[in-house]
PDB file of N, CA and C in Angstrom:
ATOM      1  N   MET A   1      58.893 194.490 112.571  1.00  0.00           N
ATOM      2  CA  MET A   1      59.463 193.752 113.682  1.00  0.00           C
ATOM      3  C   MET A   1      58.760 192.402 113.768  1.00  0.00           C
ATOM      4  N   SER A   2      59.558 191.357 113.827  1.00  0.00           N
ATOM      5  CA  SER A   2      58.986 190.017 113.871  1.00  0.00           C
ATOM      6  C   SER A   2      58.865 189.539 115.315  1.00  0.00           C
ATOM      7  N   LYS A   3      58.030 188.544 115.514  1.00  0.00           N
ATOM      8  CA  LYS A   3      57.851 187.972 116.854  1.00  0.00           C
ATOM      9  C   LYS A   3      59.000 187.035 117.213  1.00  0.00           C
ATOM     10  N   ASP A   4      59.770 186.594 116.195  1.00  0.00           N
ATOM     11  CA  ASP A   4      60.889 185.690 116.438  1.00  0.00           C
ATOM     12  C   ASP A   4      62.070 186.400 117.108  1.00  0.00           C
ATOM     13  N   ASN A   5      62.210 187.713 116.875  1.00  0.00           N
ATOM     14  CA  ASN A   5      63.354 188.460 117.385  1.00  0.00           C
ATOM     15  C   ASN A   5      62.864 189.688 118.160  1.00  0.00           C
ATOM     16  N   PRO A   6      62.317 189.475 119.365  1.00  0.00           N
ATOM     17  CA  PRO A   6      61.812 190.628 120.119  1.00  0.00           C
ATOM     18  C   PRO A   6      62.964 191.491 120.638  1.00  0.00           C
ATOM     19  N   ILE A   7      62.731 192.790 120.742  1.00  0.00           N
ATOM     20  CA  ILE A   7      63.744 193.712 121.261  1.00  0.00           C
ATOM     21  C   ILE A   7      63.704 193.660 122.792  1.00  0.00           C
ATOM     22  N   LYS A   8      64.888 193.464 123.400  1.00  0.00           N
ATOM     23  CA  LYS A   8      64.972 193.419 124.856  1.00  0.00           C
ATOM     24  C   LYS A   8      65.165 194.833 125.380  1.00  0.00           C
ATOM     25  N   ASN A   9      64.498 195.158 126.482  1.00  0.00           N
ATOM     26  CA  ASN A   9      64.669 196.482 127.071  1.00  0.00           C
ATOM     27  C   ASN A   9      66.084 196.664 127.593  1.00  0.00           C
ATOM     28  N   HIS A  10      66.564 195.699 128.389  1.00  0.00           N
ATOM     29  CA  HIS A  10      67.914 195.761 128.947  1.00  0.00           C
ATOM     30  C   HIS A  10      68.532 194.377 128.852  1.00  0.00           C
ATOM     31  N   GLN A  11      69.626 194.272 128.124  1.00  0.00           N
ATOM     32  CA  GLN A  11      70.269 192.981 127.962  1.00  0.00           C
ATOM     33  C   GLN A  11      70.993 192.570 129.242  1.00  0.00           C
ATOM     34  N   TYR A  12      71.551 193.546 129.960  1.00  0.00           N
ATOM     35  CA  TYR A  12      72.289 193.269 131.192  1.00  0.00           C
ATOM     36  C   TYR A  12      71.644 194.011 132.351  1.00  0.00           C
ATOM     37  N   LYS A  13      71.741 193.425 133.533  1.00  0.00           N
ATOM     38  CA  LYS A  13      71.205 194.073 134.727  1.00  0.00           C
ATOM     39  C   LYS A  13      72.079 195.261 135.091  1.00  0.00           C
ATOM     40  N   SER A  14      71.537 196.195 135.817  1.00  0.00           N
ATOM     41  CA  SER A  14      72.287 197.373 136.249  1.00  0.00           C
ATOM     42  C   SER A  14      73.489 196.957 137.088  1.00  0.00           C
ATOM     43  N   GLY A  15      74.672 197.466 136.742  1.00  0.00           N
ATOM     44  CA  GLY A  15      75.888 197.140 137.472  1.00  0.00           C
ATOM     45  C   GLY A  15      76.588 195.887 136.993  1.00  0.00           C
ATOM     46  N   GLU A  16      75.991 195.164 136.061  1.00  0.00           N
ATOM     47  CA  GLU A  16      76.596 193.940 135.539  1.00  0.00           C
ATOM     48  C   GLU A  16      77.491 194.302 134.359  1.00  0.00           C
ATOM     49  N   SER A  17      78.685 193.747 134.334  1.00  0.00           N
ATOM     50  CA  SER A  17      79.643 194.053 133.283  1.00  0.00           C
ATOM     51  C   SER A  17      79.663 192.936 132.243  1.00  0.00           C
ATOM     52  N   VAL A  18      79.919 193.310 131.007  1.00  0.00           N
ATOM     53  CA  VAL A  18      80.013 192.337 129.938  1.00  0.00           C
ATOM     54  C   VAL A  18      81.356 191.624 130.015  1.00  0.00           C
ATOM     55  N   ASN A  19      82.422 192.393 130.212  1.00  0.00           N
ATOM     56  CA  ASN A  19      83.766 191.831 130.264  1.00  0.00           C
ATOM     57  C   ASN A  19      84.232 191.811 131.717  1.00  0.00           C
ATOM     58  N   LEU A  20      84.007 190.709 132.376  1.00  0.00           N
ATOM     59  CA  LEU A  20      84.306 190.621 133.803  1.00  0.00           C
ATOM     60  C   LEU A  20      85.797 190.660 134.094  1.00  0.00           C
ATOM     61  N   ASN A  21      86.641 190.171 133.183  1.00  0.00           N
ATOM     62  CA  ASN A  21      88.082 190.155 133.415  1.00  0.00           C
ATOM     63  C   ASN A  21      88.767 191.446 133.008  1.00  0.00           C
ATOM     64  N   GLY A  22      88.119 192.289 132.249  1.00  0.00           N
ATOM     65  CA  GLY A  22      88.732 193.530 131.791  1.00  0.00           C
ATOM     66  C   GLY A  22      89.780 193.272 130.727  1.00  0.00           C
ATOM     67  N   ARG A  23      90.563 194.293 130.443  1.00  0.00           N
ATOM     68  CA  ARG A  23      91.620 194.162 129.439  1.00  0.00           C
ATOM     69  C   ARG A  23      92.729 193.290 130.005  1.00  0.00           C
ATOM     70  N   SER A  24      93.295 192.433 129.170  1.00  0.00           N
ATOM     71  CA  SER A  24      94.327 191.514 129.636  1.00  0.00           C
ATOM     72  C   SER A  24      95.592 192.275 130.011  1.00  0.00           C
ATOM     73  N   LYS A  25      96.360 191.732 130.962  1.00  0.00           N
ATOM     74  CA  LYS A  25      97.584 192.368 131.416  1.00  0.00           C
ATOM     75  C   LYS A  25      98.571 192.473 130.272  1.00  0.00           C
ATOM     76  N   GLY A  26      99.234 193.613 130.178  1.00  0.00           N
ATOM     77  CA  GLY A  26     100.249 193.803 129.158  1.00  0.00           C
ATOM     78  C   GLY A  26      99.733 194.344 127.843  1.00  0.00           C
ATOM     79  N   SER A  27      98.416 194.355 127.648  1.00  0.00           N
ATOM     80  CA  SER A  27      97.895 194.897 126.395  1.00  0.00           C
ATOM     81  C   SER A  27      97.914 196.425 126.464  1.00  0.00           C
ATOM     82  N   LEU A  28      98.133 197.046 125.326  1.00  0.00           N
ATOM     83  CA  LEU A  28      98.248 198.494 125.285  1.00  0.00           C
ATOM     84  C   LEU A  28      96.920 199.135 124.939  1.00  0.00           C
ATOM     85  N   GLY A  29      96.587 200.191 125.658  1.00  0.00           N
ATOM     86  CA  GLY A  29      95.409 200.971 125.334  1.00  0.00           C
ATOM     87  C   GLY A  29      95.745 201.954 124.223  1.00  0.00           C
ATOM     88  N   GLY A  30      94.758 202.554 123.625  1.00  0.00           N
ATOM     89  CA  GLY A  30      94.978 203.488 122.531  1.00  0.00           C
ATOM     90  C   GLY A  30      95.809 204.690 122.924  1.00  0.00           C
ATOM     91  N   LYS A  31      95.580 205.219 124.114  1.00  0.00           N
ATOM     92  CA  LYS A  31      96.313 206.383 124.598  1.00  0.00           C
ATOM     93  C   LYS A  31      97.802 206.077 124.701  1.00  0.00           C
ATOM     94  N   LYS A  32      98.128 204.913 125.214  1.00  0.00           N
ATOM     95  CA  LYS A  32      99.524 204.499 125.398  1.00  0.00           C
ATOM     96  C   LYS A  32     100.224 204.368 124.054  1.00  0.00           C
ATOM     97  N   VAL A  33      99.549 203.806 123.074  1.00  0.00           N
ATOM     98  CA  VAL A  33     100.129 203.626 121.739  1.00  0.00           C
ATOM     99  C   VAL A  33     100.437 204.986 121.110  1.00  0.00           C
ATOM    100  N   VAL A  34      99.507 205.922 121.221  1.00  0.00           N
ATOM    101  CA  VAL A  34      99.702 207.251 120.645  1.00  0.00           C
ATOM    102  C   VAL A  34     100.850 207.969 121.341  1.00  0.00           C
ATOM    103  N   LYS A  35     100.920 207.881 122.665  1.00  0.00           N
ATOM    104  CA  LYS A  35     102.010 208.528 123.407  1.00  0.00           C
ATOM    105  C   LYS A  35     103.368 207.971 122.984  1.00  0.00           C
ATOM    106  N   GLU A  36     103.460 206.661 122.820  1.00  0.00           N
ATOM    107  CA  GLU A  36     104.719 206.044 122.397  1.00  0.00           C
ATOM    108  C   GLU A  36     105.095 206.487 120.986  1.00  0.00           C
ATOM    109  N   TYR A  37     104.126 206.598 120.095  1.00  0.00           N
ATOM    110  CA  TYR A  37     104.395 207.043 118.730  1.00  0.00           C
ATOM    111  C   TYR A  37     104.897 208.485 118.721  1.00  0.00           C
ATOM    112  N   LEU A  38     104.246 209.346 119.490  1.00  0.00           N
ATOM    113  CA  LEU A  38     104.630 210.753 119.512  1.00  0.00           C
ATOM    114  C   LEU A  38     106.003 210.965 120.143  1.00  0.00           C
ATOM    115  N   ALA A  39     106.416 210.076 121.048  1.00  0.00           N
ATOM    116  CA  ALA A  39     107.696 210.208 121.726  1.00  0.00           C
ATOM    117  C   ALA A  39     108.850 209.635 120.902  1.00  0.00           C
ATOM    118  N   PHE A  40     108.568 208.897 119.840  1.00  0.00           N
ATOM    119  CA  PHE A  40     109.591 208.272 119.015  1.00  0.00           C
ATOM    120  C   PHE A  40     110.470 209.342 118.373  1.00  0.00           C
ATOM    121  N   LEU A  41     111.805 209.198 118.510  1.00  0.00           N
ATOM    122  CA  LEU A  41     112.746 210.192 117.993  1.00  0.00           C
ATOM    123  C   LEU A  41     113.260 209.804 116.607  1.00  0.00           C
ATOM    124  N   GLN A  42     113.406 210.821 115.756  1.00  0.00           N
ATOM    125  CA  GLN A  42     113.954 210.625 114.418  1.00  0.00           C
ATOM    126  C   GLN A  42     114.959 211.736 114.151  1.00  0.00           C
ATOM    127  N   GLU A  43     115.969 211.414 113.379  1.00  0.00           N
ATOM    128  CA  GLU A  43     116.937 212.445 113.005  1.00  0.00           C
ATOM    129  C   GLU A  43     116.400 213.166 111.771  1.00  0.00           C
ATOM    130  N   GLU A  44     116.011 214.405 111.951  1.00  0.00           N
ATOM    131  CA  GLU A  44     115.415 215.212 110.887  1.00  0.00           C
ATOM    132  C   GLU A  44     116.030 216.603 110.899  1.00  0.00           C
ATOM    133  N   VAL A  45     115.855 217.326 109.812  1.00  0.00           N
ATOM    134  CA  VAL A  45     116.305 218.713 109.746  1.00  0.00           C
ATOM    135  C   VAL A  45     115.237 219.586 110.383  1.00  0.00           C
ATOM    136  N   ASN A  46     115.640 220.366 111.374  1.00  0.00           N
ATOM    137  CA  ASN A  46     114.726 221.280 112.035  1.00  0.00           C
ATOM    138  C   ASN A  46     114.373 222.388 111.046  1.00  0.00           C
ATOM    139  N   PRO A  47     113.080 222.547 110.714  1.00  0.00           N
ATOM    140  CA  PRO A  47     112.696 223.557 109.719  1.00  0.00           C
ATOM    141  C   PRO A  47     112.950 224.991 110.186  1.00  0.00           C
ATOM    142  N   LEU A  48     113.073 225.209 111.492  1.00  0.00           N
ATOM    143  CA  LEU A  48     113.313 226.558 111.998  1.00  0.00           C
ATOM    144  C   LEU A  48     114.785 226.937 111.945  1.00  0.00           C
ATOM    145  N   THR A  49     115.668 225.981 112.274  1.00  0.00           N
ATOM    146  CA  THR A  49     117.092 226.281 112.346  1.00  0.00           C
ATOM    147  C   THR A  49     117.874 225.754 111.149  1.00  0.00           C
ATOM    148  N   GLY A  50     117.348 224.752 110.443  1.00  0.00           N
ATOM    149  CA  GLY A  50     118.044 224.150 109.319  1.00  0.00           C
ATOM    150  C   GLY A  50     119.123 223.163 109.735  1.00  0.00           C
ATOM    151  N   ILE A  51     119.191 222.853 111.045  1.00  0.00           N
ATOM    152  CA  ILE A  51     120.200 221.941 111.579  1.00  0.00           C
ATOM    153  C   ILE A  51     119.572 220.556 111.741  1.00  0.00           C
ATOM    154  N   LYS A  52     120.362 219.515 111.380  1.00  0.00           N
ATOM    155  CA  LYS A  52     119.898 218.142 111.545  1.00  0.00           C
ATOM    156  C   LYS A  52     119.997 217.771 113.024  1.00  0.00           C
ATOM    157  N   GLU A  53     118.892 217.314 113.623  1.00  0.00           N
ATOM    158  CA  GLU A  53     118.872 216.956 115.043  1.00  0.00           C
ATOM    159  C   GLU A  53     117.796 215.903 115.311  1.00  0.00           C
ATOM    160  N   LEU A  54     117.826 215.335 116.511  1.00  0.00           N
ATOM    161  CA  LEU A  54     116.805 214.368 116.906  1.00  0.00           C
ATOM    162  C   LEU A  54     115.539 215.106 117.303  1.00  0.00           C
ATOM    163  N   LEU A  55     114.456 214.794 116.608  1.00  0.00           N
ATOM    164  CA  LEU A  55     113.167 215.420 116.910  1.00  0.00           C
ATOM    165  C   LEU A  55     112.119 214.331 117.115  1.00  0.00           C
ATOM    166  N   SER A  56     111.230 214.560 118.064  1.00  0.00           N
ATOM    167  CA  SER A  56     110.137 213.609 118.284  1.00  0.00           C
ATOM    168  C   SER A  56     109.057 213.852 117.240  1.00  0.00           C
ATOM    169  N   ASN A  57     108.205 212.862 117.037  1.00  0.00           N
ATOM    170  CA  ASN A  57     107.087 213.009 116.097  1.00  0.00           C
ATOM    171  C   ASN A  57     106.165 214.132 116.551  1.00  0.00           C
ATOM    172  N   GLU A  58     106.031 214.301 117.861  1.00  0.00           N
ATOM    173  CA  GLU A  58     105.184 215.362 118.400  1.00  0.00           C
ATOM    174  C   GLU A  58     105.708 216.735 117.957  1.00  0.00           C
ATOM    175  N   VAL A  59     107.034 216.927 118.031  1.00  0.00           N
ATOM    176  CA  VAL A  59     107.642 218.188 117.619  1.00  0.00           C
ATOM    177  C   VAL A  59     107.489 218.387 116.117  1.00  0.00           C
ATOM    178  N   MET A  60     107.678 217.312 115.345  1.00  0.00           N
ATOM    179  CA  MET A  60     107.550 217.430 113.892  1.00  0.00           C
ATOM    180  C   MET A  60     106.129 217.825 113.489  1.00  0.00           C
ATOM    181  N   ILE A  61     105.132 217.275 114.190  1.00  0.00           N
ATOM    182  CA  ILE A  61     103.735 217.633 113.903  1.00  0.00           C
ATOM    183  C   ILE A  61     103.494 219.091 114.269  1.00  0.00           C
ATOM    184  N   THR A  62     104.071 219.530 115.383  1.00  0.00           N
ATOM    185  CA  THR A  62     103.899 220.920 115.824  1.00  0.00           C
ATOM    186  C   THR A  62     104.543 221.885 114.835  1.00  0.00           C
ATOM    187  N   LEU A  63     105.723 221.522 114.323  1.00  0.00           N
ATOM    188  CA  LEU A  63     106.446 222.408 113.403  1.00  0.00           C
ATOM    189  C   LEU A  63     105.890 222.390 111.987  1.00  0.00           C
ATOM    190  N   ALA A  64     105.091 221.374 111.653  1.00  0.00           N
ATOM    191  CA  ALA A  64     104.569 221.258 110.278  1.00  0.00           C
ATOM    192  C   ALA A  64     103.574 222.341 109.953  1.00  0.00           C
TER     193      ALA A  64
END
């Protein structure tokens, strides 16, 4: 460890936030993106019935 780059105990005071504005309006969080992907419908053959129908990605993952 050099004297030029000392390690700080606490960079920020207790209760102080790094990002004061938070996430910008309209931006998508990870949870929202995953939910939208899983809800997306595709016309696929249902492996249980053999009939072509609209299935969500969530259902396709469950049936796989």
